């Protein structure tokens, strides 16, 4: 995967409460992830948010993968 895609993910104080966004737009990474999780396709998301590109969707997924790529401690129930 092209890690240069991560350059599309930005953090700006005052933009959506400092959440990671896509290219400084007022579209949070978490919102795109939620849309994908709800079953929307990348094409559906881009139709609803025409400022987004397929590479923006890829960057969102890569950012999420990178964010969870560490050891988590689980407690037995």
C-alpha atoms as a PDB file:
ATOM      1  CA  UNK A   1       0.000   0.000   0.000  1.00  0.00           C
ATOM      2  CA  UNK A   2       1.191   3.487  -0.832  1.00  0.00           C
ATOM      3  CA  UNK A   3       1.889   5.112   2.537  1.00  0.00           C
ATOM      4  CA  UNK A   4       2.097   8.533   0.855  1.00  0.00           C
ATOM      5  CA  UNK A   5      -1.706   8.346   0.931  1.00  0.00           C
ATOM      6  CA  UNK A   6      -1.448   9.138   4.643  1.00  0.00           C
ATOM      7  CA  UNK A   7      -0.455  12.695   3.688  1.00  0.00           C
ATOM      8  CA  UNK A   8      -4.128  13.183   2.802  1.00  0.00           C
ATOM      9  CA  UNK A   9      -5.075  12.815   6.464  1.00  0.00           C
ATOM     10  CA  UNK A  10      -4.767  16.105   8.319  1.00  0.00           C
ATOM     11  CA  UNK A  11      -5.165  17.367  11.852  1.00  0.00           C
ATOM     12  CA  UNK A  12      -6.050  21.003  12.289  1.00  0.00           C
ATOM     13  CA  UNK A  13      -6.973  22.656  15.544  1.00  0.00           C
ATOM     14  CA  UNK A  14     -10.487  24.029  15.294  1.00  0.00           C
ATOM     15  CA  UNK A  15     -11.540  21.851  12.371  1.00  0.00           C
ATOM     16  CA  UNK A  16     -14.099  19.295  13.560  1.00  0.00           C
ATOM     17  CA  UNK A  17     -12.755  19.495  17.090  1.00  0.00           C
ATOM     18  CA  UNK A  18      -9.249  18.503  16.044  1.00  0.00           C
ATOM     19  CA  UNK A  19     -10.331  15.119  14.684  1.00  0.00           C
ATOM     20  CA  UNK A  20      -8.398  13.657  11.746  1.00  0.00           C
ATOM     21  CA  UNK A  21      -9.924  14.892   8.502  1.00  0.00           C
ATOM     22  CA  UNK A  22      -9.374  14.283   4.837  1.00  0.00           C
ATOM     23  CA  UNK A  23      -7.254  16.970   3.168  1.00  0.00           C
ATOM     24  CA  UNK A  24      -8.392  19.608   5.640  1.00  0.00           C
ATOM     25  CA  UNK A  25     -11.974  19.281   4.473  1.00  0.00           C
ATOM     26  CA  UNK A  26     -14.705  19.185   7.061  1.00  0.00           C
ATOM     27  CA  UNK A  27     -15.066  15.456   6.521  1.00  0.00           C
ATOM     28  CA  UNK A  28     -13.796  13.411   9.447  1.00  0.00           C
ATOM     29  CA  UNK A  29     -11.960  10.149   8.902  1.00  0.00           C
ATOM     30  CA  UNK A  30     -14.293   8.558  11.452  1.00  0.00           C
ATOM     31  CA  UNK A  31     -17.345   9.621   9.417  1.00  0.00           C
ATOM     32  CA  UNK A  32     -16.008   7.936   6.293  1.00  0.00           C
ATOM     33  CA  UNK A  33     -15.174   4.803   8.283  1.00  0.00           C
ATOM     34  CA  UNK A  34     -18.704   4.736   9.705  1.00  0.00           C
ATOM     35  CA  UNK A  35     -20.160   5.070   6.198  1.00  0.00           C
ATOM     36  CA  UNK A  36     -18.025   2.163   5.003  1.00  0.00           C
ATOM     37  CA  UNK A  37     -19.009   0.094   8.055  1.00  0.00           C
ATOM     38  CA  UNK A  38     -22.678   0.763   7.350  1.00  0.00           C
ATOM     39  CA  UNK A  39     -22.272  -0.870   3.958  1.00  0.00           C
ATOM     40  CA  UNK A  40     -21.801   2.134   1.710  1.00  0.00           C
ATOM     41  CA  UNK A  41     -19.401   1.625  -1.151  1.00  0.00           C
ATOM     42  CA  UNK A  42     -16.585   4.044  -1.919  1.00  0.00           C
ATOM     43  CA  UNK A  43     -18.580   5.154  -4.977  1.00  0.00           C
ATOM     44  CA  UNK A  44     -21.650   5.857  -2.800  1.00  0.00           C
ATOM     45  CA  UNK A  45     -19.555   7.957  -0.415  1.00  0.00           C
ATOM     46  CA  UNK A  46     -17.997   9.915  -3.263  1.00  0.00           C
ATOM     47  CA  UNK A  47     -21.468  10.489  -4.757  1.00  0.00           C
ATOM     48  CA  UNK A  48     -22.590  12.017  -1.451  1.00  0.00           C
ATOM     49  CA  UNK A  49     -19.317  13.906  -0.911  1.00  0.00           C
ATOM     50  CA  UNK A  50     -18.043  14.871  -4.380  1.00  0.00           C
ATOM     51  CA  UNK A  51     -14.921  16.553  -2.993  1.00  0.00           C
ATOM     52  CA  UNK A  52     -13.636  13.099  -1.996  1.00  0.00           C
ATOM     53  CA  UNK A  53     -11.645  10.857  -4.326  1.00  0.00           C
ATOM     54  CA  UNK A  54     -10.992   7.116  -4.376  1.00  0.00           C
ATOM     55  CA  UNK A  55      -7.523   7.837  -2.945  1.00  0.00           C
ATOM     56  CA  UNK A  56      -9.147   9.677  -0.028  1.00  0.00           C
ATOM     57  CA  UNK A  57     -11.135   6.541   0.796  1.00  0.00           C
ATOM     58  CA  UNK A  58      -7.966   4.432   0.555  1.00  0.00           C
ATOM     59  CA  UNK A  59      -6.141   6.908   2.807  1.00  0.00           C
ATOM     60  CA  UNK A  60      -8.930   6.641   5.375  1.00  0.00           C
ATOM     61  CA  UNK A  61      -8.638   2.859   5.467  1.00  0.00           C
ATOM     62  CA  UNK A  62      -4.853   2.985   5.635  1.00  0.00           C
ATOM     63  CA  UNK A  63      -5.030   5.497   8.497  1.00  0.00           C
ATOM     64  CA  UNK A  64      -7.419   3.232  10.403  1.00  0.00           C
ATOM     65  CA  UNK A  65      -5.225   0.186   9.805  1.00  0.00           C
ATOM     66  CA  UNK A  66      -2.186   2.093  11.019  1.00  0.00           C
ATOM     67  CA  UNK A  67      -4.068   3.308  14.101  1.00  0.00           C
ATOM     68  CA  UNK A  68      -4.906  -0.225  15.227  1.00  0.00           C
ATOM     69  CA  UNK A  69      -1.588  -1.795  14.286  1.00  0.00           C
ATOM     70  CA  UNK A  70      -0.386  -2.242  17.829  1.00  0.00           C
ATOM     71  CA  UNK A  71      -0.842  -4.785  20.569  1.00  0.00           C
ATOM     72  CA  UNK A  72      -4.028  -4.525  22.537  1.00  0.00           C
ATOM     73  CA  UNK A  73      -4.489  -6.049  25.942  1.00  0.00           C
ATOM     74  CA  UNK A  74      -7.644  -8.070  26.342  1.00  0.00           C
ATOM     75  CA  UNK A  75      -9.015  -9.139  29.673  1.00  0.00           C
ATOM     76  CA  UNK A  76     -10.640 -12.528  29.983  1.00  0.00           C
ATOM     77  CA  UNK A  77     -14.298 -12.322  30.919  1.00  0.00           C
END
